[in-house]
Amino acid sequence: MSAEVDVGHPDPRILQVVTKLETLNLVLVQRRHFADEAVYMDGREFKDCEFRGCRLLVKTGRFRITGNVHMSECTFEIDGPARGVQSIFELLARQPS
């Protein structure tokens, strides 16, 4: 039998990694138009951009979308650590209203 895990506090191993990740400055991508291409979101801030028919790839979830951003006919491909957040939204979508 395994010992009880303290879920009332962040896992110190993960907290250390997240803290380091949060210190990385996001690279600004501004006023760009993307069409029918793969766009890796992590590590970037997309400001006033347009995405049409793109594959938006997310692995860590460390990105930002600001300003006047438009998306149409895009798909998100979520992998790695970001899958945990995706599973929460999938669970919420299945909950009765």
N, C-alpha and C. Protein backbone atom coordinates (compact mmCIF):
# COMPACT_ATOMS: atom_id res chain seq x y z
N MET A 1 0.84 -1.17 0.00
CA MET A 1 0.00 0.00 0.00
C MET A 1 0.89 1.25 0.00
N SER A 2 0.57 2.21 -0.84
CA SER A 2 1.38 3.43 -0.90
C SER A 2 0.92 4.43 0.15
N ALA A 3 1.84 5.32 0.52
CA ALA A 3 1.54 6.37 1.50
C ALA A 3 0.58 7.38 0.91
N GLU A 4 -0.17 8.03 1.78
CA GLU A 4 -1.09 9.08 1.33
C GLU A 4 -0.31 10.21 0.68
N VAL A 5 -0.82 10.71 -0.41
CA VAL A 5 -0.21 11.83 -1.11
C VAL A 5 -0.91 13.10 -0.67
N ASP A 6 -0.14 14.10 -0.28
CA ASP A 6 -0.70 15.39 0.13
C ASP A 6 -1.08 16.19 -1.11
N VAL A 7 -2.38 16.19 -1.42
CA VAL A 7 -2.85 16.92 -2.59
C VAL A 7 -3.30 18.34 -2.24
N GLY A 8 -3.11 18.72 -0.99
CA GLY A 8 -3.49 20.06 -0.54
C GLY A 8 -2.44 21.10 -0.83
N HIS A 9 -1.30 20.67 -1.38
CA HIS A 9 -0.22 21.59 -1.71
C HIS A 9 0.38 21.19 -3.05
N PRO A 10 0.96 22.15 -3.79
CA PRO A 10 1.58 21.79 -5.07
C PRO A 10 2.72 20.79 -4.88
N ASP A 11 2.87 19.91 -5.82
CA ASP A 11 4.00 18.98 -5.83
C ASP A 11 5.27 19.81 -6.02
N PRO A 12 6.20 19.77 -5.07
CA PRO A 12 7.39 20.63 -5.17
C PRO A 12 8.20 20.39 -6.44
N ARG A 13 8.19 19.17 -6.96
CA ARG A 13 8.93 18.90 -8.19
C ARG A 13 8.33 19.67 -9.36
N ILE A 14 7.01 19.66 -9.46
CA ILE A 14 6.32 20.34 -10.54
C ILE A 14 6.42 21.85 -10.35
N LEU A 15 6.26 22.29 -9.12
CA LEU A 15 6.34 23.73 -8.82
C LEU A 15 7.67 24.30 -9.28
N GLN A 16 8.75 23.57 -9.08
CA GLN A 16 10.07 24.03 -9.50
C GLN A 16 10.15 24.17 -11.02
N VAL A 17 9.63 23.20 -11.74
CA VAL A 17 9.65 23.24 -13.20
C VAL A 17 8.79 24.39 -13.72
N VAL A 18 7.59 24.54 -13.16
CA VAL A 18 6.67 25.59 -13.60
C VAL A 18 7.27 26.97 -13.33
N THR A 19 7.88 27.15 -12.18
CA THR A 19 8.50 28.42 -11.86
C THR A 19 9.57 28.78 -12.88
N LYS A 20 10.37 27.82 -13.26
CA LYS A 20 11.42 28.06 -14.26
C LYS A 20 10.79 28.39 -15.61
N LEU A 21 9.75 27.68 -15.99
CA LEU A 21 9.07 27.93 -17.26
C LEU A 21 8.46 29.32 -17.30
N GLU A 22 7.89 29.76 -16.18
CA GLU A 22 7.25 31.07 -16.14
C GLU A 22 8.24 32.22 -16.23
N THR A 23 9.51 31.98 -15.95
CA THR A 23 10.50 33.05 -16.06
C THR A 23 10.95 33.29 -17.49
N LEU A 24 10.63 32.37 -18.40
CA LEU A 24 10.98 32.56 -19.80
C LEU A 24 10.07 33.62 -20.41
N ASN A 25 10.66 34.62 -21.02
CA ASN A 25 9.87 35.66 -21.67
C ASN A 25 9.25 35.10 -22.95
N LEU A 26 8.01 35.46 -23.17
CA LEU A 26 7.34 35.05 -24.40
C LEU A 26 7.83 35.92 -25.55
N VAL A 27 7.98 35.32 -26.71
CA VAL A 27 8.39 36.04 -27.92
C VAL A 27 7.13 36.61 -28.56
N LEU A 28 7.14 37.91 -28.84
CA LEU A 28 5.97 38.58 -29.41
C LEU A 28 5.88 38.32 -30.91
N VAL A 29 4.71 37.84 -31.31
CA VAL A 29 4.36 37.68 -32.72
C VAL A 29 3.17 38.60 -32.93
N GLN A 30 3.34 39.64 -33.72
CA GLN A 30 2.31 40.69 -33.81
C GLN A 30 1.90 40.95 -35.26
N ARG A 31 0.58 41.13 -35.43
CA ARG A 31 -0.01 41.49 -36.72
C ARG A 31 0.43 40.56 -37.86
N ARG A 32 0.35 39.25 -37.58
CA ARG A 32 0.69 38.27 -38.62
C ARG A 32 -0.57 37.54 -39.04
N HIS A 33 -0.59 37.13 -40.27
CA HIS A 33 -1.69 36.36 -40.83
C HIS A 33 -1.15 34.98 -41.17
N PHE A 34 -1.76 33.96 -40.57
CA PHE A 34 -1.36 32.58 -40.80
C PHE A 34 -2.48 31.88 -41.55
N ALA A 35 -2.13 31.14 -42.59
CA ALA A 35 -3.15 30.43 -43.36
C ALA A 35 -2.64 29.04 -43.71
N ASP A 36 -3.46 28.04 -43.38
CA ASP A 36 -3.19 26.65 -43.76
C ASP A 36 -1.77 26.20 -43.40
N GLU A 37 -1.38 26.46 -42.16
CA GLU A 37 -0.04 26.05 -41.72
C GLU A 37 -0.07 25.59 -40.27
N ALA A 38 1.00 24.90 -39.89
CA ALA A 38 1.17 24.48 -38.50
C ALA A 38 1.80 25.65 -37.74
N VAL A 39 1.20 25.99 -36.59
CA VAL A 39 1.71 27.09 -35.77
C VAL A 39 1.95 26.55 -34.37
N TYR A 40 3.19 26.57 -33.94
CA TYR A 40 3.55 26.14 -32.59
C TYR A 40 3.34 27.32 -31.65
N MET A 41 2.40 27.18 -30.73
CA MET A 41 1.98 28.28 -29.86
C MET A 41 2.93 28.52 -28.68
N ASP A 42 3.47 27.47 -28.10
CA ASP A 42 4.26 27.58 -26.88
C ASP A 42 5.43 28.56 -27.02
N GLY A 43 5.63 29.36 -25.97
CA GLY A 43 6.74 30.29 -25.93
C GLY A 43 6.49 31.60 -26.64
N ARG A 44 5.26 31.80 -27.10
CA ARG A 44 4.97 33.00 -27.90
C ARG A 44 3.72 33.73 -27.41
N GLU A 45 3.70 35.03 -27.66
CA GLU A 45 2.49 35.83 -27.45
C GLU A 45 2.03 36.28 -28.82
N PHE A 46 0.81 35.90 -29.17
CA PHE A 46 0.22 36.26 -30.45
C PHE A 46 -0.70 37.45 -30.23
N LYS A 47 -0.34 38.58 -30.81
CA LYS A 47 -1.11 39.81 -30.62
C LYS A 47 -1.59 40.31 -31.98
N ASP A 48 -2.91 40.55 -32.06
CA ASP A 48 -3.51 41.08 -33.29
C ASP A 48 -3.18 40.21 -34.51
N CYS A 49 -3.33 38.91 -34.35
CA CYS A 49 -3.02 37.96 -35.42
C CYS A 49 -4.30 37.33 -35.96
N GLU A 50 -4.17 36.74 -37.14
CA GLU A 50 -5.28 36.03 -37.76
C GLU A 50 -4.82 34.63 -38.13
N PHE A 51 -5.66 33.65 -37.80
CA PHE A 51 -5.37 32.25 -38.09
C PHE A 51 -6.53 31.70 -38.92
N ARG A 52 -6.22 31.18 -40.11
CA ARG A 52 -7.25 30.58 -40.97
C ARG A 52 -6.80 29.19 -41.40
N GLY A 53 -7.58 28.20 -41.02
CA GLY A 53 -7.29 26.83 -41.44
C GLY A 53 -5.97 26.29 -40.92
N CYS A 54 -5.56 26.73 -39.75
CA CYS A 54 -4.26 26.33 -39.21
C CYS A 54 -4.37 25.18 -38.23
N ARG A 55 -3.28 24.46 -38.07
CA ARG A 55 -3.11 23.49 -36.98
C ARG A 55 -2.36 24.22 -35.89
N LEU A 56 -3.00 24.45 -34.77
CA LEU A 56 -2.38 25.16 -33.65
C LEU A 56 -1.90 24.13 -32.65
N LEU A 57 -0.58 24.05 -32.47
CA LEU A 57 0.04 23.00 -31.67
C LEU A 57 0.45 23.54 -30.31
N VAL A 58 0.02 22.85 -29.26
CA VAL A 58 0.28 23.26 -27.88
C VAL A 58 0.85 22.07 -27.12
N LYS A 59 1.96 22.29 -26.46
CA LYS A 59 2.56 21.21 -25.66
C LYS A 59 2.59 21.58 -24.18
N THR A 60 2.98 22.82 -23.85
CA THR A 60 3.07 23.21 -22.44
C THR A 60 1.91 24.10 -22.00
N GLY A 61 1.30 24.79 -22.93
CA GLY A 61 0.27 25.76 -22.57
C GLY A 61 0.85 27.11 -22.19
N ARG A 62 2.15 27.28 -22.34
CA ARG A 62 2.81 28.55 -22.00
C ARG A 62 2.83 29.45 -23.24
N PHE A 63 1.69 30.08 -23.50
CA PHE A 63 1.56 31.05 -24.58
C PHE A 63 0.47 32.03 -24.19
N ARG A 64 0.34 33.09 -24.97
CA ARG A 64 -0.68 34.10 -24.68
C ARG A 64 -1.26 34.58 -26.02
N ILE A 65 -2.56 34.84 -26.00
CA ILE A 65 -3.25 35.42 -27.16
C ILE A 65 -3.88 36.71 -26.68
N THR A 66 -3.50 37.83 -27.29
CA THR A 66 -3.98 39.14 -26.86
C THR A 66 -4.39 39.98 -28.05
N GLY A 67 -5.06 41.07 -27.74
CA GLY A 67 -5.45 42.01 -28.77
C GLY A 67 -6.60 41.49 -29.61
N ASN A 68 -6.58 41.87 -30.85
CA ASN A 68 -7.65 41.55 -31.79
C ASN A 68 -7.22 40.33 -32.61
N VAL A 69 -7.53 39.14 -32.09
CA VAL A 69 -7.13 37.88 -32.73
C VAL A 69 -8.36 37.22 -33.33
N HIS A 70 -8.22 36.71 -34.54
CA HIS A 70 -9.31 36.01 -35.22
C HIS A 70 -8.84 34.61 -35.59
N MET A 71 -9.72 33.63 -35.36
CA MET A 71 -9.45 32.25 -35.73
C MET A 71 -10.65 31.70 -36.49
N SER A 72 -10.37 31.03 -37.59
CA SER A 72 -11.46 30.35 -38.29
C SER A 72 -10.92 29.05 -38.89
N GLU A 73 -11.74 28.02 -38.76
CA GLU A 73 -11.45 26.70 -39.31
C GLU A 73 -10.09 26.16 -38.87
N CYS A 74 -9.72 26.43 -37.62
CA CYS A 74 -8.46 25.94 -37.06
C CYS A 74 -8.71 24.73 -36.17
N THR A 75 -7.68 23.93 -36.02
CA THR A 75 -7.74 22.81 -35.08
C THR A 75 -6.61 22.97 -34.07
N PHE A 76 -6.87 22.52 -32.86
CA PHE A 76 -5.85 22.51 -31.82
C PHE A 76 -5.34 21.10 -31.65
N GLU A 77 -4.04 20.94 -31.59
CA GLU A 77 -3.43 19.65 -31.27
C GLU A 77 -2.69 19.85 -29.96
N ILE A 78 -3.18 19.19 -28.94
CA ILE A 78 -2.66 19.37 -27.59
C ILE A 78 -1.94 18.09 -27.17
N ASP A 79 -0.71 18.28 -26.68
CA ASP A 79 0.12 17.15 -26.32
C ASP A 79 0.90 17.50 -25.06
N GLY A 80 1.61 16.54 -24.51
CA GLY A 80 2.47 16.80 -23.36
C GLY A 80 1.71 17.28 -22.14
N PRO A 81 2.34 18.15 -21.35
CA PRO A 81 1.72 18.62 -20.11
C PRO A 81 0.36 19.30 -20.31
N ALA A 82 0.15 19.91 -21.46
CA ALA A 82 -1.12 20.60 -21.70
C ALA A 82 -2.30 19.63 -21.79
N ARG A 83 -2.04 18.35 -21.98
CA ARG A 83 -3.13 17.37 -22.06
C ARG A 83 -3.91 17.27 -20.76
N GLY A 84 -3.26 17.56 -19.64
CA GLY A 84 -3.96 17.53 -18.37
C GLY A 84 -5.08 18.55 -18.33
N VAL A 85 -4.82 19.74 -18.83
CA VAL A 85 -5.84 20.78 -18.88
C VAL A 85 -6.93 20.39 -19.87
N GLN A 86 -6.54 19.82 -20.99
CA GLN A 86 -7.52 19.38 -21.98
C GLN A 86 -8.48 18.37 -21.36
N SER A 87 -7.97 17.45 -20.55
CA SER A 87 -8.83 16.44 -19.95
C SER A 87 -9.86 17.06 -19.00
N ILE A 88 -9.49 18.16 -18.33
CA ILE A 88 -10.44 18.85 -17.45
C ILE A 88 -11.59 19.42 -18.28
N PHE A 89 -11.27 20.07 -19.40
CA PHE A 89 -12.32 20.63 -20.24
C PHE A 89 -13.20 19.56 -20.86
N GLU A 90 -12.63 18.43 -21.22
CA GLU A 90 -13.43 17.33 -21.74
C GLU A 90 -14.39 16.81 -20.68
N LEU A 91 -13.93 16.71 -19.45
CA LEU A 91 -14.78 16.27 -18.34
C LEU A 91 -15.91 17.27 -18.11
N LEU A 92 -15.60 18.56 -18.10
CA LEU A 92 -16.62 19.60 -17.91
C LEU A 92 -17.67 19.57 -19.02
N ALA A 93 -17.24 19.29 -20.23
CA ALA A 93 -18.17 19.24 -21.36
C ALA A 93 -19.18 18.11 -21.21
N ARG A 94 -18.79 17.04 -20.51
CA ARG A 94 -19.69 15.89 -20.31
C ARG A 94 -20.63 16.06 -19.13
N GLN A 95 -20.40 17.09 -18.31
CA GLN A 95 -21.24 17.30 -17.13
C GLN A 95 -22.62 17.80 -17.56
N PRO A 96 -23.67 17.35 -16.90
CA PRO A 96 -25.01 17.86 -17.23
C PRO A 96 -25.12 19.34 -16.88
N SER A 97 -25.90 20.05 -17.66
CA SER A 97 -26.09 21.50 -17.44
C SER A 97 -26.92 21.78 -16.23
